[in-house]
Amino acid sequence: MSSDINDRRGLYVEVRNNDVTRAVRKLKKLLNNEGMIKDMRKNEYYEKPSAKKRREKQQARKRWIKEQEKNKENW
């Protein structure tokens, strides 16, 4: 039964020597590595499907251009 509780625990950071600022920095780093902060910001406001499609298309184009420039340097 106790293993079920530990599985649902999620991310956590222990505060050592009453150093809360260090614990907060460590938690932010963990959240950033998990991609949670990016997801929260992305879902902060509703985005219309057409706007989402347009944004994703622009991002794909940027990635493609960046990759083409990278390949150009290798020639």
PDB file of N, CA and C in Angstrom:
ATOM      1  N   MET A   1       0.827  -1.199   0.000  1.00  0.00           N
ATOM      2  CA  MET A   1       0.000   0.000   0.000  1.00  0.00           C
ATOM      3  C   MET A   1       0.869   1.260   0.000  1.00  0.00           C
ATOM      4  N   SER A   2       1.963   1.262   0.742  1.00  0.00           N
ATOM      5  CA  SER A   2       2.797   2.451   0.810  1.00  0.00           C
ATOM      6  C   SER A   2       3.501   2.714  -0.517  1.00  0.00           C
ATOM      7  N   SER A   3       3.744   1.672  -1.322  1.00  0.00           N
ATOM      8  CA  SER A   3       4.382   1.888  -2.618  1.00  0.00           C
ATOM      9  C   SER A   3       3.461   2.675  -3.548  1.00  0.00           C
ATOM     10  N   ASP A   4       2.139   2.514  -3.411  1.00  0.00           N
ATOM     11  CA  ASP A   4       1.196   3.284  -4.219  1.00  0.00           C
ATOM     12  C   ASP A   4       1.305   4.771  -3.913  1.00  0.00           C
ATOM     13  N   ILE A   5       1.492   5.100  -2.659  1.00  0.00           N
ATOM     14  CA  ILE A   5       1.613   6.501  -2.257  1.00  0.00           C
ATOM     15  C   ILE A   5       2.889   7.099  -2.843  1.00  0.00           C
ATOM     16  N   ASN A   6       3.985   6.357  -2.803  1.00  0.00           N
ATOM     17  CA  ASN A   6       5.249   6.862  -3.335  1.00  0.00           C
ATOM     18  C   ASN A   6       5.197   7.033  -4.849  1.00  0.00           C
ATOM     19  N   ASP A   7       4.424   6.201  -5.543  1.00  0.00           N
ATOM     20  CA  ASP A   7       4.307   6.329  -6.987  1.00  0.00           C
ATOM     21  C   ASP A   7       3.585   7.613  -7.373  1.00  0.00           C
ATOM     22  N   ARG A   8       2.663   8.053  -6.570  1.00  0.00           N
ATOM     23  CA  ARG A   8       1.866   9.252  -6.881  1.00  0.00           C
ATOM     24  C   ARG A   8       2.512  10.527  -6.367  1.00  0.00           C
ATOM     25  N   ARG A   9       3.651  10.408  -5.785  1.00  0.00           N
ATOM     26  CA  ARG A   9       4.296  11.542  -5.151  1.00  0.00           C
ATOM     27  C   ARG A   9       4.678  12.631  -6.156  1.00  0.00           C
ATOM     28  N   GLY A  10       5.178  12.265  -7.316  1.00  0.00           N
ATOM     29  CA  GLY A  10       5.554  13.246  -8.321  1.00  0.00           C
ATOM     30  C   GLY A  10       6.902  13.874  -8.016  1.00  0.00           C
ATOM     31  N   LEU A  11       7.131  15.062  -8.552  1.00  0.00           N
ATOM     32  CA  LEU A  11       8.383  15.766  -8.319  1.00  0.00           C
ATOM     33  C   LEU A  11       8.361  16.441  -6.957  1.00  0.00           C
ATOM     34  N   TYR A  12       9.478  16.369  -6.283  1.00  0.00           N
ATOM     35  CA  TYR A  12       9.591  17.058  -5.002  1.00  0.00           C
ATOM     36  C   TYR A  12      11.047  17.416  -4.758  1.00  0.00           C
ATOM     37  N   VAL A  13      11.257  18.399  -3.905  1.00  0.00           N
ATOM     38  CA  VAL A  13      12.599  18.838  -3.539  1.00  0.00           C
ATOM     39  C   VAL A  13      12.632  18.989  -2.033  1.00  0.00           C
ATOM     40  N   GLU A  14      13.641  18.423  -1.423  1.00  0.00           N
ATOM     41  CA  GLU A  14      13.796  18.556   0.026  1.00  0.00           C
ATOM     42  C   GLU A  14      14.516  19.860   0.339  1.00  0.00           C
ATOM     43  N   VAL A  15      14.043  20.549   1.368  1.00  0.00           N
ATOM     44  CA  VAL A  15      14.680  21.781   1.821  1.00  0.00           C
ATOM     45  C   VAL A  15      15.676  21.401   2.899  1.00  0.00           C
ATOM     46  N   ARG A  16      16.941  21.705   2.665  1.00  0.00           N
ATOM     47  CA  ARG A  16      17.998  21.363   3.618  1.00  0.00           C
ATOM     48  C   ARG A  16      18.563  22.632   4.237  1.00  0.00           C
ATOM     49  N   ASN A  17      18.809  22.582   5.515  1.00  0.00           N
ATOM     50  CA  ASN A  17      19.395  23.699   6.265  1.00  0.00           C
ATOM     51  C   ASN A  17      18.600  24.990   6.090  1.00  0.00           C
ATOM     52  N   ASN A  18      17.298  24.887   5.982  1.00  0.00           N
ATOM     53  CA  ASN A  18      16.404  26.042   5.821  1.00  0.00           C
ATOM     54  C   ASN A  18      16.790  26.928   4.639  1.00  0.00           C
ATOM     55  N   ASP A  19      17.387  26.348   3.614  1.00  0.00           N
ATOM     56  CA  ASP A  19      17.777  27.094   2.421  1.00  0.00           C
ATOM     57  C   ASP A  19      16.686  26.935   1.358  1.00  0.00           C
ATOM     58  N   VAL A  20      15.648  27.756   1.491  1.00  0.00           N
ATOM     59  CA  VAL A  20      14.486  27.654   0.614  1.00  0.00           C
ATOM     60  C   VAL A  20      14.818  28.128  -0.798  1.00  0.00           C
ATOM     61  N   THR A  21      15.647  29.148  -0.922  1.00  0.00           N
ATOM     62  CA  THR A  21      15.961  29.669  -2.256  1.00  0.00           C
ATOM     63  C   THR A  21      16.657  28.609  -3.108  1.00  0.00           C
ATOM     64  N   ARG A  22      17.546  27.855  -2.510  1.00  0.00           N
ATOM     65  CA  ARG A  22      18.231  26.790  -3.249  1.00  0.00           C
ATOM     66  C   ARG A  22      17.230  25.712  -3.672  1.00  0.00           C
ATOM     67  N   ALA A  23      16.290  25.393  -2.786  1.00  0.00           N
ATOM     68  CA  ALA A  23      15.280  24.382  -3.096  1.00  0.00           C
ATOM     69  C   ALA A  23      14.376  24.858  -4.234  1.00  0.00           C
ATOM     70  N   VAL A  24      14.022  26.142  -4.233  1.00  0.00           N
ATOM     71  CA  VAL A  24      13.176  26.689  -5.297  1.00  0.00           C
ATOM     72  C   VAL A  24      13.916  26.645  -6.630  1.00  0.00           C
ATOM     73  N   ARG A  25      15.206  27.003  -6.627  1.00  0.00           N
ATOM     74  CA  ARG A  25      15.993  26.943  -7.860  1.00  0.00           C
ATOM     75  C   ARG A  25      16.069  25.518  -8.391  1.00  0.00           C
ATOM     76  N   LYS A  26      16.255  24.573  -7.469  1.00  0.00           N
ATOM     77  CA  LYS A  26      16.336  23.166  -7.864  1.00  0.00           C
ATOM     78  C   LYS A  26      15.000  22.685  -8.434  1.00  0.00           C
ATOM     79  N   LEU A  27      13.891  23.114  -7.818  1.00  0.00           N
ATOM     80  CA  LEU A  27      12.565  22.739  -8.304  1.00  0.00           C
ATOM     81  C   LEU A  27      12.310  23.323  -9.693  1.00  0.00           C
ATOM     82  N   LYS A  28      12.686  24.589  -9.897  1.00  0.00           N
ATOM     83  CA  LYS A  28      12.520  25.213 -11.207  1.00  0.00           C
ATOM     84  C   LYS A  28      13.309  24.457 -12.271  1.00  0.00           C
ATOM     85  N   LYS A  29      14.518  24.033 -11.913  1.00  0.00           N
ATOM     86  CA  LYS A  29      15.351  23.283 -12.847  1.00  0.00           C
ATOM     87  C   LYS A  29      14.698  21.951 -13.197  1.00  0.00           C
ATOM     88  N   LEU A  30      14.142  21.265 -12.192  1.00  0.00           N
ATOM     89  CA  LEU A  30      13.451  19.999 -12.432  1.00  0.00           C
ATOM     90  C   LEU A  30      12.244  20.200 -13.347  1.00  0.00           C
ATOM     91  N   LEU A  31      11.446  21.221 -13.058  1.00  0.00           N
ATOM     92  CA  LEU A  31      10.260  21.500 -13.872  1.00  0.00           C
ATOM     93  C   LEU A  31      10.639  21.852 -15.305  1.00  0.00           C
ATOM     94  N   ASN A  32      11.711  22.609 -15.452  1.00  0.00           N
ATOM     95  CA  ASN A  32      12.165  22.998 -16.781  1.00  0.00           C
ATOM     96  C   ASN A  32      12.631  21.780 -17.571  1.00  0.00           C
ATOM     97  N   ASN A  33      13.355  20.880 -16.911  1.00  0.00           N
ATOM     98  CA  ASN A  33      13.834  19.674 -17.586  1.00  0.00           C
ATOM     99  C   ASN A  33      12.682  18.762 -17.988  1.00  0.00           C
ATOM    100  N   GLU A  34      11.617  18.757 -17.224  1.00  0.00           N
ATOM    101  CA  GLU A  34      10.449  17.935 -17.542  1.00  0.00           C
ATOM    102  C   GLU A  34       9.577  18.577 -18.614  1.00  0.00           C
ATOM    103  N   GLY A  35       9.809  19.862 -18.892  1.00  0.00           N
ATOM    104  CA  GLY A  35       9.022  20.555 -19.906  1.00  0.00           C
ATOM    105  C   GLY A  35       7.692  21.064 -19.373  1.00  0.00           C
ATOM    106  N   MET A  36       7.515  21.066 -18.075  1.00  0.00           N
ATOM    107  CA  MET A  36       6.239  21.475 -17.488  1.00  0.00           C
ATOM    108  C   MET A  36       6.018  22.978 -17.606  1.00  0.00           C
ATOM    109  N   ILE A  37       7.071  23.756 -17.466  1.00  0.00           N
ATOM    110  CA  ILE A  37       6.931  25.213 -17.533  1.00  0.00           C
ATOM    111  C   ILE A  37       6.494  25.623 -18.937  1.00  0.00           C
ATOM    112  N   LYS A  38       7.100  24.990 -19.948  1.00  0.00           N
ATOM    113  CA  LYS A  38       6.736  25.299 -21.332  1.00  0.00           C
ATOM    114  C   LYS A  38       5.275  24.936 -21.590  1.00  0.00           C
ATOM    115  N   ASP A  39       4.840  23.789 -21.066  1.00  0.00           N
ATOM    116  CA  ASP A  39       3.449  23.369 -21.243  1.00  0.00           C
ATOM    117  C   ASP A  39       2.486  24.321 -20.550  1.00  0.00           C
ATOM    118  N   MET A  40       2.850  24.771 -19.346  1.00  0.00           N
ATOM    119  CA  MET A  40       1.975  25.694 -18.622  1.00  0.00           C
ATOM    120  C   MET A  40       1.828  27.004 -19.384  1.00  0.00           C
ATOM    121  N   ARG A  41       2.934  27.518 -19.907  1.00  0.00           N
ATOM    122  CA  ARG A  41       2.869  28.777 -20.650  1.00  0.00           C
ATOM    123  C   ARG A  41       2.090  28.609 -21.944  1.00  0.00           C
ATOM    124  N   LYS A  42       2.253  27.445 -22.578  1.00  0.00           N
ATOM    125  CA  LYS A  42       1.552  27.197 -23.837  1.00  0.00           C
ATOM    126  C   LYS A  42       0.048  27.114 -23.608  1.00  0.00           C
ATOM    127  N   ASN A  43      -0.361  26.547 -22.482  1.00  0.00           N
ATOM    128  CA  ASN A  43      -1.779  26.355 -22.196  1.00  0.00           C
ATOM    129  C   ASN A  43      -2.376  27.469 -21.343  1.00  0.00           C
ATOM    130  N   GLU A  44      -1.648  28.556 -21.178  1.00  0.00           N
ATOM    131  CA  GLU A  44      -2.132  29.653 -20.346  1.00  0.00           C
ATOM    132  C   GLU A  44      -3.360  30.320 -20.975  1.00  0.00           C
ATOM    133  N   TYR A  45      -3.359  30.448 -22.296  1.00  0.00           N
ATOM    134  CA  TYR A  45      -4.469  31.063 -23.008  1.00  0.00           C
ATOM    135  C   TYR A  45      -4.951  30.113 -24.090  1.00  0.00           C
ATOM    136  N   TYR A  46      -6.219  30.245 -24.455  1.00  0.00           N
ATOM    137  CA  TYR A  46      -6.756  29.427 -25.538  1.00  0.00           C
ATOM    138  C   TYR A  46      -6.198  29.924 -26.864  1.00  0.00           C
ATOM    139  N   GLU A  47      -5.804  28.989 -27.689  1.00  0.00           N
ATOM    140  CA  GLU A  47      -5.295  29.328 -29.008  1.00  0.00           C
ATOM    141  C   GLU A  47      -6.202  28.680 -30.052  1.00  0.00           C
ATOM    142  N   LYS A  48      -6.724  29.498 -30.951  1.00  0.00           N
ATOM    143  CA  LYS A  48      -7.611  28.962 -31.979  1.00  0.00           C
ATOM    144  C   LYS A  48      -6.844  27.957 -32.834  1.00  0.00           C
ATOM    145  N   PRO A  49      -7.549  26.939 -33.325  1.00  0.00           N
ATOM    146  CA  PRO A  49      -6.876  25.924 -34.142  1.00  0.00           C
ATOM    147  C   PRO A  49      -6.140  26.505 -35.349  1.00  0.00           C
ATOM    148  N   SER A  50      -6.716  27.520 -35.984  1.00  0.00           N
ATOM    149  CA  SER A  50      -6.048  28.112 -37.150  1.00  0.00           C
ATOM    150  C   SER A  50      -4.762  28.829 -36.726  1.00  0.00           C
ATOM    151  N   ALA A  51      -4.791  29.504 -35.581  1.00  0.00           N
ATOM    152  CA  ALA A  51      -3.595  30.187 -35.083  1.00  0.00           C
ATOM    153  C   ALA A  51      -2.528  29.172 -34.682  1.00  0.00           C
ATOM    154  N   LYS A  52      -2.961  28.072 -34.091  1.00  0.00           N
ATOM    155  CA  LYS A  52      -2.031  27.013 -33.693  1.00  0.00           C
ATOM    156  C   LYS A  52      -1.352  26.418 -34.926  1.00  0.00           C
ATOM    157  N   LYS A  53      -2.152  26.175 -35.958  1.00  0.00           N
ATOM    158  CA  LYS A  53      -1.634  25.614 -37.204  1.00  0.00           C
ATOM    159  C   LYS A  53      -0.612  26.566 -37.830  1.00  0.00           C
ATOM    160  N   ARG A  54      -0.943  27.855 -37.842  1.00  0.00           N
ATOM    161  CA  ARG A  54      -0.054  28.872 -38.402  1.00  0.00           C
ATOM    162  C   ARG A  54       1.260  28.932 -37.622  1.00  0.00           C
ATOM    163  N   ARG A  55       1.163  28.907 -36.279  1.00  0.00           N
ATOM    164  CA  ARG A  55       2.354  28.966 -35.432  1.00  0.00           C
ATOM    165  C   ARG A  55       3.245  27.749 -35.661  1.00  0.00           C
ATOM    166  N   GLU A  56       2.631  26.569 -35.708  1.00  0.00           N
ATOM    167  CA  GLU A  56       3.407  25.345 -35.911  1.00  0.00           C
ATOM    168  C   GLU A  56       4.074  25.330 -37.282  1.00  0.00           C
ATOM    169  N   LYS A  57       3.387  25.868 -38.290  1.00  0.00           N
ATOM    170  CA  LYS A  57       3.952  25.936 -39.632  1.00  0.00           C
ATOM    171  C   LYS A  57       5.165  26.874 -39.653  1.00  0.00           C
ATOM    172  N   GLN A  58       5.059  28.009 -38.968  1.00  0.00           N
ATOM    173  CA  GLN A  58       6.175  28.953 -38.894  1.00  0.00           C
ATOM    174  C   GLN A  58       7.365  28.329 -38.171  1.00  0.00           C
ATOM    175  N   GLN A  59       7.088  27.599 -37.089  1.00  0.00           N
ATOM    176  CA  GLN A  59       8.167  26.949 -36.354  1.00  0.00           C
ATOM    177  C   GLN A  59       8.852  25.888 -37.209  1.00  0.00           C
ATOM    178  N   ALA A  60       8.061  25.131 -37.964  1.00  0.00           N
ATOM    179  CA  ALA A  60       8.630  24.106 -38.835  1.00  0.00           C
ATOM    180  C   ALA A  60       9.510  24.751 -39.902  1.00  0.00           C
ATOM    181  N   ARG A  61       9.043  25.880 -40.446  1.00  0.00           N
ATOM    182  CA  ARG A  61       9.829  26.582 -41.458  1.00  0.00           C
ATOM    183  C   ARG A  61      11.144  27.086 -40.876  1.00  0.00           C
ATOM    184  N   LYS A  62      11.109  27.631 -39.658  1.00  0.00           N
ATOM    185  CA  LYS A  62      12.335  28.094 -39.000  1.00  0.00           C
ATOM    186  C   LYS A  62      13.311  26.940 -38.803  1.00  0.00           C
ATOM    187  N   ARG A  63      12.784  25.792 -38.354  1.00  0.00           N
ATOM    188  CA  ARG A  63      13.645  24.622 -38.164  1.00  0.00           C
ATOM    189  C   ARG A  63      14.274  24.187 -39.482  1.00  0.00           C
ATOM    190  N   TRP A  64      13.473  24.197 -40.560  1.00  0.00           N
ATOM    191  CA  TRP A  64      13.955  23.779 -41.868  1.00  0.00           C
ATOM    192  C   TRP A  64      15.062  24.711 -42.361  1.00  0.00           C
ATOM    193  N   ILE A  65      14.838  26.026 -42.227  1.00  0.00           N
ATOM    194  CA  ILE A  65      15.835  27.010 -42.656  1.00  0.00           C
ATOM    195  C   ILE A  65      17.116  26.843 -41.852  1.00  0.00           C
ATOM    196  N   LYS A  66      16.979  26.654 -40.552  1.00  0.00           N
ATOM    197  CA  LYS A  66      18.146  26.468 -39.693  1.00  0.00           C
ATOM    198  C   LYS A  66      18.928  25.218 -40.107  1.00  0.00           C
ATOM    199  N   GLU A  67      18.208  24.153 -40.421  1.00  0.00           N
ATOM    200  CA  GLU A  67      18.853  22.914 -40.848  1.00  0.00           C
ATOM    201  C   GLU A  67      19.556  23.100 -42.190  1.00  0.00           C
ATOM    202  N   GLN A  68      18.932  23.856 -43.108  1.00  0.00           N
ATOM    203  CA  GLN A  68      19.542  24.113 -44.412  1.00  0.00           C
ATOM    204  C   GLN A  68      20.831  24.919 -44.260  1.00  0.00           C
ATOM    205  N   GLU A  69      20.820  25.915 -43.377  1.00  0.00           N
ATOM    206  CA  GLU A  69      22.023  26.711 -43.139  1.00  0.00           C
ATOM    207  C   GLU A  69      23.120  25.860 -42.524  1.00  0.00           C
ATOM    208  N   LYS A  70      22.737  24.965 -41.638  1.00  0.00           N
ATOM    209  CA  LYS A  70      23.704  24.067 -41.004  1.00  0.00           C
ATOM    210  C   LYS A  70      24.323  23.133 -42.045  1.00  0.00           C
ATOM    211  N   ASN A  71      23.496  22.613 -42.955  1.00  0.00           N
ATOM    212  CA  ASN A  71      23.994  21.729 -44.007  1.00  0.00           C
ATOM    213  C   ASN A  71      24.878  22.481 -45.000  1.00  0.00           C
ATOM    214  N   LYS A  72      24.573  23.765 -45.221  1.00  0.00           N
ATOM    215  CA  LYS A  72      25.362  24.582 -46.135  1.00  0.00           C
ATOM    216  C   LYS A  72      26.786  24.745 -45.608  1.00  0.00           C
ATOM    217  N   GLU A  73      26.932  24.848 -44.283  1.00  0.00           N
ATOM    218  CA  GLU A  73      28.250  25.020 -43.679  1.00  0.00           C
ATOM    219  C   GLU A  73      29.090  23.760 -43.826  1.00  0.00           C
ATOM    220  N   ASN A  74      28.447  22.608 -43.863  1.00  0.00           N
ATOM    221  CA  ASN A  74      29.180  21.348 -43.962  1.00  0.00           C
ATOM    222  C   ASN A  74      29.724  21.092 -45.361  1.00  0.00           C
ATOM    223  N   TRP A  75      29.226  21.791 -46.374  1.00  0.00           N
ATOM    224  CA  TRP A  75      29.691  21.555 -47.737  1.00  0.00           C
ATOM    225  C   TRP A  75      31.051  22.090 -47.905  1.00  0.00           C
TER     226      TRP A  75
END
